[in-house]
Amino acid sequence: MNPLPRSGSPAAKWHAVARRDAAADGSFVYAVRTTGVYCRPSCPSRRPHARNVIYFDTTAAAERAGFRPCRRCRPERAVSPGEDALQRVRAACRAIEAAEAPPRLAALAAAAGLSRFHFQRLFKRAVGVSPREYFAAHRRERLQRALAAGEDVAGAAYGAGFGSASRLYEHTDALLGMSPASYRRGAAGEHVRAGFARCALGWLGVARTARGVSAIELGASRAELELRFARRFGRAVLEPADDVTSRWVAAAVAFVERPVKPLELPLDIRGTAFQQRVWRALQRIPPGATVSYGALARNVGRPGAARAVARACATNPVPLAIPCHRVVSADGTTGGYRFGAARKRALLEREREGAAPRRAREGGAAR
């Protein structure tokens, strides 16, 4: 095995430039003799030939040597602490995405120039999940894309970073919720049970696999919900409700009628790392409370990503269990909802009514 280049050496600096390592920004700049331009190590411009590169410890030194700043990465501008932290996290994300096995925390922290504790805390605050969880979510997404595109199971397994198809089957439930071959066929042969009941908001339907609830729907009629489930689970075997399904339907109806406690059901859902982060944040919003899309974006470490948060809410497959109805517009209006604004207002009003006596009791106890 070749030894790693010594920190601070020309070889180490070239290694950082070749990887566009944002964690190296601020420690040096590199200049390209053939263009007369100097850049940050993370510059997205076309990678130069190593023989044409010269390194400087400061931007002033590069300019004294006659080089001008790059117009893309603007190396002459100081990097704020917040921007520097995000650059380090982005670099770690790119390293994790390129890895065939979960990178060691110590190695990621060293590449970011941070202690393991500080790096872990910084990464989780910015991304919402740990580096290991981020790796698992990215590998699952690669696997799902490959299988959905029709790639054979063995090829998809190797492409997603599994050493063999047998190792993939060891993690089948956590990754896909079904066998890889079944996922590749569009869930053909999977068994999904569905139950329906009337509630205060119309008709409610719950669909479940052997692992948990996969979908919750609200609509005007049972026929409408049956059609939605048929489309969602088009190649699965849809079966009528059994005792377990009926109990879960009853729990969902009871939540609609009196939403004073979270609807806690075993779930069988899949999503990207970002979707999972948003969905977990939604489950932390108590009944009777609301947040704006912008506030939720800040809560998951992505300020400015209100639209992406809204999309994650819209793709939530189990509304009520994951209460996306508690997210409202910044101006206080209800905002969008897959089942209509009227149902969203009704749910929020019921939750506010249920929360008021609880707050009164808690206030009395405090006195």
Protein backbone atom coordinates (compact mmCIF):
# COMPACT_ATOMS: atom_id res chain seq x y z
CA MET A 1 0.00 0.00 0.00
CA ASN A 2 1.38 3.44 -0.92
CA PRO A 3 1.91 5.75 2.10
CA LEU A 4 -0.20 8.87 2.37
CA PRO A 5 1.62 12.07 1.33
CA ARG A 6 3.07 14.02 4.23
CA SER A 7 0.76 16.80 5.41
CA GLY A 8 1.77 20.15 3.90
CA SER A 9 4.01 18.58 1.26
CA PRO A 10 3.56 19.36 -2.46
CA ALA A 11 2.24 15.82 -2.91
CA ALA A 12 -0.37 16.35 -0.18
CA LYS A 13 -1.38 19.67 -1.72
CA TRP A 14 -1.75 18.11 -5.17
CA HIS A 15 -3.80 15.33 -3.59
CA ALA A 16 -6.15 18.00 -2.17
CA VAL A 17 -6.37 19.82 -5.54
CA ALA A 18 -7.02 16.58 -7.43
CA ARG A 19 -9.90 15.76 -5.03
CA ARG A 20 -11.16 19.37 -4.96
CA ASP A 21 -10.94 19.08 -1.18
CA ALA A 22 -12.89 21.96 0.41
CA ALA A 23 -11.33 21.16 3.78
CA ALA A 24 -8.00 22.42 2.38
CA ASP A 25 -9.43 25.84 1.47
CA GLY A 26 -7.70 28.58 3.44
CA SER A 27 -4.53 26.56 4.03
CA PHE A 28 -3.02 27.34 0.61
CA VAL A 29 -3.88 28.35 -2.96
CA TYR A 30 -2.57 26.89 -6.18
CA ALA A 31 -1.69 28.72 -9.38
CA VAL A 32 -1.56 27.42 -12.95
CA ARG A 33 1.40 28.64 -14.99
CA THR A 34 -0.35 28.21 -18.35
CA THR A 35 -3.38 30.35 -17.42
CA GLY A 36 -1.87 32.85 -14.96
CA VAL A 37 -4.74 32.18 -12.52
CA TYR A 38 -4.68 31.05 -8.88
CA CYS A 39 -7.49 29.10 -7.18
CA ARG A 40 -8.75 27.52 -3.99
CA PRO A 41 -8.06 23.75 -3.67
CA SER A 42 -11.81 23.12 -4.05
CA CYS A 43 -12.15 25.12 -7.30
CA PRO A 44 -14.62 23.38 -9.67
CA SER A 45 -12.67 24.46 -12.77
CA ARG A 46 -11.08 21.88 -15.02
CA ARG A 47 -8.26 20.10 -13.20
CA PRO A 48 -4.83 21.31 -14.40
CA HIS A 49 -1.76 19.18 -15.14
CA ALA A 50 0.31 18.73 -12.01
CA ARG A 51 3.45 19.88 -13.82
CA ASN A 52 1.83 23.31 -14.44
CA VAL A 53 0.82 23.89 -10.79
CA ILE A 54 2.64 25.98 -8.21
CA TYR A 55 1.52 26.44 -4.57
CA PHE A 56 1.38 29.54 -2.36
CA ASP A 57 0.60 29.84 1.33
CA THR A 58 -1.36 33.08 0.84
CA THR A 59 -3.30 34.88 -1.87
CA ALA A 60 -0.96 37.87 -1.48
CA ALA A 61 2.03 35.69 -2.34
CA ALA A 62 0.27 34.38 -5.45
CA GLU A 63 -0.54 37.92 -6.60
CA ARG A 64 3.02 39.12 -5.96
CA ALA A 65 4.16 36.34 -8.27
CA GLY A 66 1.94 37.77 -11.00
CA PHE A 67 -1.11 35.49 -10.81
CA ARG A 68 -4.70 36.79 -10.81
CA PRO A 69 -7.63 35.33 -8.80
CA CYS A 70 -9.98 32.79 -10.40
CA ARG A 71 -13.41 34.20 -11.25
CA ARG A 72 -15.16 30.95 -10.34
CA CYS A 73 -13.89 30.13 -6.84
CA ARG A 74 -12.85 33.73 -5.90
CA PRO A 75 -9.90 32.71 -3.71
CA GLU A 76 -9.16 36.32 -2.72
CA ARG A 77 -12.36 36.42 -0.67
CA ALA A 78 -12.08 35.38 2.97
CA VAL A 79 -13.91 32.21 3.97
CA SER A 80 -16.34 32.82 6.85
CA PRO A 81 -16.41 30.28 9.69
CA GLY A 82 -19.88 29.15 8.65
CA GLU A 83 -18.91 28.74 5.01
CA ASP A 84 -15.72 26.94 6.00
CA ALA A 85 -17.70 24.49 8.12
CA LEU A 86 -20.13 23.78 5.29
CA GLN A 87 -17.26 23.28 2.86
CA ARG A 88 -15.72 20.71 5.17
CA VAL A 89 -19.04 18.88 5.47
CA ARG A 90 -19.59 18.97 1.70
CA ALA A 91 -16.12 17.53 1.17
CA ALA A 92 -16.92 14.77 3.66
CA CYS A 93 -20.20 14.02 1.86
CA ARG A 94 -18.37 13.69 -1.48
CA ALA A 95 -15.83 11.35 0.14
CA ILE A 96 -18.61 9.22 1.65
CA GLU A 97 -20.47 9.04 -1.67
CA ALA A 98 -17.33 7.84 -3.46
CA ALA A 99 -16.53 5.19 -0.83
CA GLU A 100 -17.22 1.49 -1.33
CA ALA A 101 -17.40 0.87 2.44
CA PRO A 102 -18.38 3.14 5.34
CA PRO A 103 -15.37 5.47 5.84
CA ARG A 104 -13.95 5.49 9.33
CA LEU A 105 -14.99 8.49 11.40
CA ALA A 106 -11.37 9.12 12.35
CA ALA A 107 -10.34 9.31 8.69
CA LEU A 108 -13.16 11.71 7.78
CA ALA A 109 -12.36 13.92 10.77
CA ALA A 110 -8.65 13.97 9.91
CA ALA A 111 -9.39 14.95 6.31
CA ALA A 112 -11.56 17.81 7.63
CA GLY A 113 -8.82 18.86 10.04
CA LEU A 114 -11.08 18.38 13.07
CA SER A 115 -11.33 16.13 16.10
CA ARG A 116 -13.66 13.17 15.79
CA PHE A 117 -16.11 14.64 18.32
CA HIS A 118 -16.20 18.08 16.66
CA PHE A 119 -16.50 16.61 13.16
CA GLN A 120 -19.34 14.25 14.15
CA ARG A 121 -21.26 17.09 15.79
CA LEU A 122 -20.66 19.45 12.85
CA PHE A 123 -21.67 16.83 10.27
CA LYS A 124 -24.86 15.83 12.10
CA ARG A 125 -25.87 19.46 12.63
CA ALA A 126 -25.41 20.27 8.92
CA VAL A 127 -26.74 17.05 7.36
CA GLY A 128 -29.14 15.79 10.02
CA VAL A 129 -27.75 12.26 10.12
CA SER A 130 -24.43 10.71 11.13
CA PRO A 131 -21.74 9.96 8.50
CA ARG A 132 -22.53 6.24 8.76
CA GLU A 133 -26.26 6.89 8.27
CA TYR A 134 -25.45 9.14 5.30
CA PHE A 135 -23.39 6.35 3.74
CA ALA A 136 -26.21 3.83 4.26
CA ALA A 137 -28.81 6.15 2.70
CA HIS A 138 -26.58 6.94 -0.30
CA ARG A 139 -25.83 3.24 -0.88
CA ARG A 140 -29.53 2.42 -0.68
CA GLU A 141 -30.32 5.12 -3.26
CA ARG A 142 -27.67 3.72 -5.63
CA LEU A 143 -29.07 0.23 -5.18
CA GLN A 144 -32.66 1.33 -5.76
CA ARG A 145 -31.75 3.30 -8.91
CA ALA A 146 -29.84 0.35 -10.36
CA LEU A 147 -32.60 -2.17 -9.65
CA ALA A 148 -35.33 0.18 -10.90
CA ALA A 149 -33.33 0.64 -14.13
CA GLY A 150 -33.46 -3.13 -14.67
CA GLU A 151 -29.88 -4.01 -13.72
CA ASP A 152 -29.45 -7.59 -12.48
CA VAL A 153 -29.20 -8.10 -8.73
CA ALA A 154 -25.51 -9.06 -8.74
CA GLY A 155 -24.51 -6.02 -10.82
CA ALA A 156 -26.62 -3.67 -8.68
CA ALA A 157 -25.11 -5.14 -5.50
CA TYR A 158 -21.53 -4.60 -6.66
CA GLY A 159 -22.32 -1.15 -8.04
CA ALA A 160 -23.83 -0.08 -4.71
CA GLY A 161 -20.75 -1.18 -2.78
CA PHE A 162 -21.74 -4.64 -1.55
CA GLY A 163 -18.99 -7.21 -1.82
CA SER A 164 -21.44 -9.82 -3.09
CA ALA A 165 -25.12 -10.38 -3.74
CA SER A 166 -25.26 -12.57 -0.62
CA ARG A 167 -24.20 -9.60 1.53
CA LEU A 168 -27.00 -7.57 -0.07
CA TYR A 169 -29.58 -10.19 0.92
CA GLU A 170 -28.38 -9.95 4.56
CA HIS A 171 -29.63 -6.32 4.60
CA THR A 172 -32.71 -6.75 2.40
CA ASP A 173 -35.39 -5.56 4.84
CA ALA A 174 -33.54 -2.44 5.93
CA LEU A 175 -32.60 -1.45 2.38
CA LEU A 176 -35.63 -2.29 0.26
CA GLY A 177 -38.39 -3.74 2.42
CA MET A 178 -38.51 -6.74 0.08
CA SER A 179 -36.18 -9.05 -1.79
CA PRO A 180 -33.91 -7.34 -4.38
CA ALA A 181 -35.39 -9.43 -7.19
CA SER A 182 -38.91 -8.40 -6.17
CA TYR A 183 -37.87 -4.73 -6.00
CA ARG A 184 -36.36 -5.03 -9.49
CA ARG A 185 -39.68 -6.38 -10.79
CA GLY A 186 -41.55 -3.41 -9.30
CA ALA A 187 -42.65 -5.24 -6.14
CA ALA A 188 -44.28 -7.97 -8.18
CA GLY A 189 -45.46 -10.73 -5.86
CA GLU A 190 -45.24 -8.63 -2.70
CA HIS A 191 -48.26 -8.95 -0.41
CA VAL A 192 -49.89 -5.71 0.74
CA ARG A 193 -52.96 -5.67 2.98
CA ALA A 194 -55.30 -2.68 2.89
CA GLY A 195 -58.06 -1.63 5.28
CA PHE A 196 -60.62 1.18 5.09
CA ALA A 197 -63.00 3.01 7.40
CA ARG A 198 -65.07 6.18 7.58
CA CYS A 199 -63.76 9.04 9.70
CA ALA A 200 -64.53 12.71 10.36
CA LEU A 201 -62.55 13.69 7.26
CA GLY A 202 -64.20 11.26 4.83
CA TRP A 203 -62.70 7.83 4.16
CA LEU A 204 -59.37 6.67 5.52
CA GLY A 205 -57.22 3.85 4.14
CA VAL A 206 -54.15 2.11 5.54
CA ALA A 207 -51.91 -0.20 3.50
CA ARG A 208 -49.30 -2.37 5.18
CA THR A 209 -46.67 -4.99 4.44
CA ALA A 210 -45.40 -7.59 6.88
CA ARG A 211 -42.98 -4.95 8.19
CA GLY A 212 -45.36 -2.05 8.84
CA VAL A 213 -47.55 0.68 7.38
CA SER A 214 -46.51 1.71 3.87
CA ALA A 215 -49.25 4.19 3.00
CA ILE A 216 -52.08 6.19 4.58
CA GLU A 217 -54.69 7.91 2.42
CA LEU A 218 -57.70 10.17 2.95
CA GLY A 219 -60.43 10.61 0.37
CA ALA A 220 -64.09 11.03 -0.41
CA SER A 221 -64.89 7.35 -0.95
CA ARG A 222 -63.52 3.87 -0.42
CA ALA A 223 -63.40 3.33 -4.17
CA GLU A 224 -61.13 6.38 -4.55
CA LEU A 225 -58.70 5.03 -1.95
CA GLU A 226 -58.72 1.53 -3.44
CA LEU A 227 -57.76 3.05 -6.79
CA ARG A 228 -54.88 5.00 -5.21
CA PHE A 229 -53.53 1.87 -3.54
CA ALA A 230 -53.86 -0.08 -6.79
CA ARG A 231 -51.75 2.55 -8.54
CA ARG A 232 -49.18 2.80 -5.74
CA PHE A 233 -48.73 -0.98 -5.40
CA GLY A 234 -49.45 -1.79 -9.03
CA ARG A 235 -47.49 -5.03 -9.24
CA ALA A 236 -48.02 -6.23 -5.69
CA VAL A 237 -50.72 -8.64 -4.50
CA LEU A 238 -53.35 -6.53 -2.72
CA GLU A 239 -55.19 -8.44 0.00
CA PRO A 240 -58.06 -7.51 2.35
CA ALA A 241 -57.45 -6.36 5.90
CA ASP A 242 -56.67 -8.84 8.63
CA ASP A 243 -56.91 -8.24 12.39
CA VAL A 244 -53.60 -6.35 12.53
CA THR A 245 -54.55 -4.07 9.64
CA SER A 246 -57.96 -3.41 11.17
CA ARG A 247 -56.37 -2.41 14.49
CA TRP A 248 -54.06 0.03 12.71
CA VAL A 249 -56.96 1.50 10.74
CA ALA A 250 -58.88 1.97 13.99
CA ALA A 251 -55.86 3.69 15.55
CA ALA A 252 -55.63 6.08 12.59
CA VAL A 253 -59.37 6.85 12.78
CA ALA A 254 -59.09 7.48 16.53
CA PHE A 255 -56.24 9.91 15.84
CA VAL A 256 -58.37 11.86 13.35
CA GLU A 257 -61.28 12.00 15.79
CA ARG A 258 -59.15 13.09 18.75
CA PRO A 259 -55.57 13.99 17.76
CA VAL A 260 -54.09 14.65 21.21
CA LYS A 261 -51.26 12.10 21.02
CA PRO A 262 -48.92 11.11 18.16
CA LEU A 263 -50.14 8.30 15.90
CA GLU A 264 -47.52 5.66 16.65
CA LEU A 265 -47.56 2.76 14.19
CA PRO A 266 -44.76 0.53 12.87
CA LEU A 267 -43.72 2.02 9.52
CA ASP A 268 -42.31 0.44 6.37
CA ILE A 269 -41.23 3.43 4.30
CA ARG A 270 -38.14 4.34 2.29
CA GLY A 271 -36.73 7.76 1.47
CA THR A 272 -33.58 9.67 0.69
CA ALA A 273 -31.36 10.89 3.51
CA PHE A 274 -32.89 14.36 3.21
CA GLN A 275 -36.47 13.04 3.20
CA GLN A 276 -35.77 10.92 6.27
CA ARG A 277 -34.33 13.95 8.05
CA VAL A 278 -37.43 16.02 7.27
CA TRP A 279 -39.79 13.21 8.27
CA ARG A 280 -38.03 12.73 11.61
CA ALA A 281 -38.28 16.47 12.27
CA LEU A 282 -42.02 16.35 11.49
CA GLN A 283 -42.52 13.62 14.08
CA ARG A 284 -41.00 15.89 16.72
CA ILE A 285 -43.69 18.58 16.22
CA PRO A 286 -46.27 18.02 18.98
CA PRO A 287 -50.05 18.03 18.35
CA GLY A 288 -51.43 21.56 18.46
CA ALA A 289 -48.17 23.14 17.25
CA THR A 290 -47.17 24.29 13.77
CA VAL A 291 -43.97 25.41 12.05
CA SER A 292 -43.33 27.18 8.76
CA TYR A 293 -41.55 25.51 5.84
CA GLY A 294 -38.65 27.93 6.36
CA ALA A 295 -38.39 27.11 10.07
CA LEU A 296 -38.46 23.39 9.33
CA ALA A 297 -35.68 23.89 6.78
CA ARG A 298 -33.59 25.58 9.46
CA ASN A 299 -34.40 22.80 11.92
CA VAL A 300 -32.94 20.18 9.55
CA GLY A 301 -29.82 22.26 8.90
CA ARG A 302 -30.80 23.47 5.43
CA PRO A 303 -31.79 27.14 5.72
CA GLY A 304 -33.01 28.39 2.37
CA ALA A 305 -34.27 24.93 1.33
CA ALA A 306 -37.94 25.59 2.11
CA ARG A 307 -39.03 24.31 -1.32
CA ALA A 308 -37.10 21.06 -0.88
CA VAL A 309 -38.70 20.67 2.55
CA ALA A 310 -42.13 21.22 1.00
CA ARG A 311 -41.40 18.47 -1.56
CA ALA A 312 -40.34 16.11 1.22
CA CYS A 313 -43.64 16.85 3.00
CA ALA A 314 -45.60 16.25 -0.21
CA THR A 315 -43.91 12.87 -0.80
CA ASN A 316 -44.54 11.67 2.76
CA PRO A 317 -46.30 8.31 2.21
CA VAL A 318 -47.82 8.07 5.70
CA PRO A 319 -49.52 11.37 6.59
CA LEU A 320 -50.95 11.44 10.14
CA ALA A 321 -48.21 9.08 11.36
CA ILE A 322 -45.69 11.60 10.00
CA PRO A 323 -47.70 14.81 10.60
CA CYS A 324 -46.84 16.96 7.58
CA HIS A 325 -50.13 18.86 8.13
CA ARG A 326 -48.36 20.75 10.96
CA VAL A 327 -46.23 22.70 8.46
CA VAL A 328 -47.80 25.98 7.33
CA SER A 329 -46.87 28.96 5.19
CA ALA A 330 -44.67 31.73 6.59
CA ASP A 331 -47.61 34.17 6.55
CA GLY A 332 -49.61 31.88 8.84
CA THR A 333 -51.98 30.58 6.17
CA THR A 334 -52.60 26.86 5.93
CA GLY A 335 -50.48 26.16 2.87
CA GLY A 336 -50.71 23.09 0.67
CA TYR A 337 -51.78 19.59 1.65
CA ARG A 338 -52.15 16.47 -0.43
CA PHE A 339 -55.66 15.84 0.89
CA GLY A 340 -56.86 19.42 0.50
CA ALA A 341 -56.70 22.61 2.55
CA ALA A 342 -60.07 21.94 4.22
CA ARG A 343 -58.87 18.65 5.74
CA LYS A 344 -55.63 20.31 6.84
CA ARG A 345 -57.51 23.11 8.60
CA ALA A 346 -59.82 20.58 10.25
CA LEU A 347 -56.90 18.52 11.55
CA LEU A 348 -55.10 21.57 12.91
CA GLU A 349 -58.25 22.87 14.59
CA ARG A 350 -58.91 19.50 16.23
CA GLU A 351 -55.31 19.40 17.48
CA ARG A 352 -55.51 22.94 18.88
CA GLU A 353 -58.75 22.07 20.69
CA GLY A 354 -57.17 18.94 22.15
CA ALA A 355 -53.98 20.74 23.15
CA ALA A 356 -55.76 23.58 25.03
CA PRO A 357 -57.05 21.45 27.98
CA ARG A 358 -53.67 19.71 28.23
CA ARG A 359 -51.83 23.04 28.44
CA ALA A 360 -54.33 24.23 31.05
CA ARG A 361 -53.74 21.10 33.16
CA GLU A 362 -49.99 21.45 32.82
CA GLY A 363 -50.20 25.12 33.82
CA GLY A 364 -52.27 24.25 36.88
CA ALA A 365 -49.83 21.54 37.89
CA ALA A 366 -46.93 23.98 37.54
CA ARG A 367 -48.63 26.42 39.90
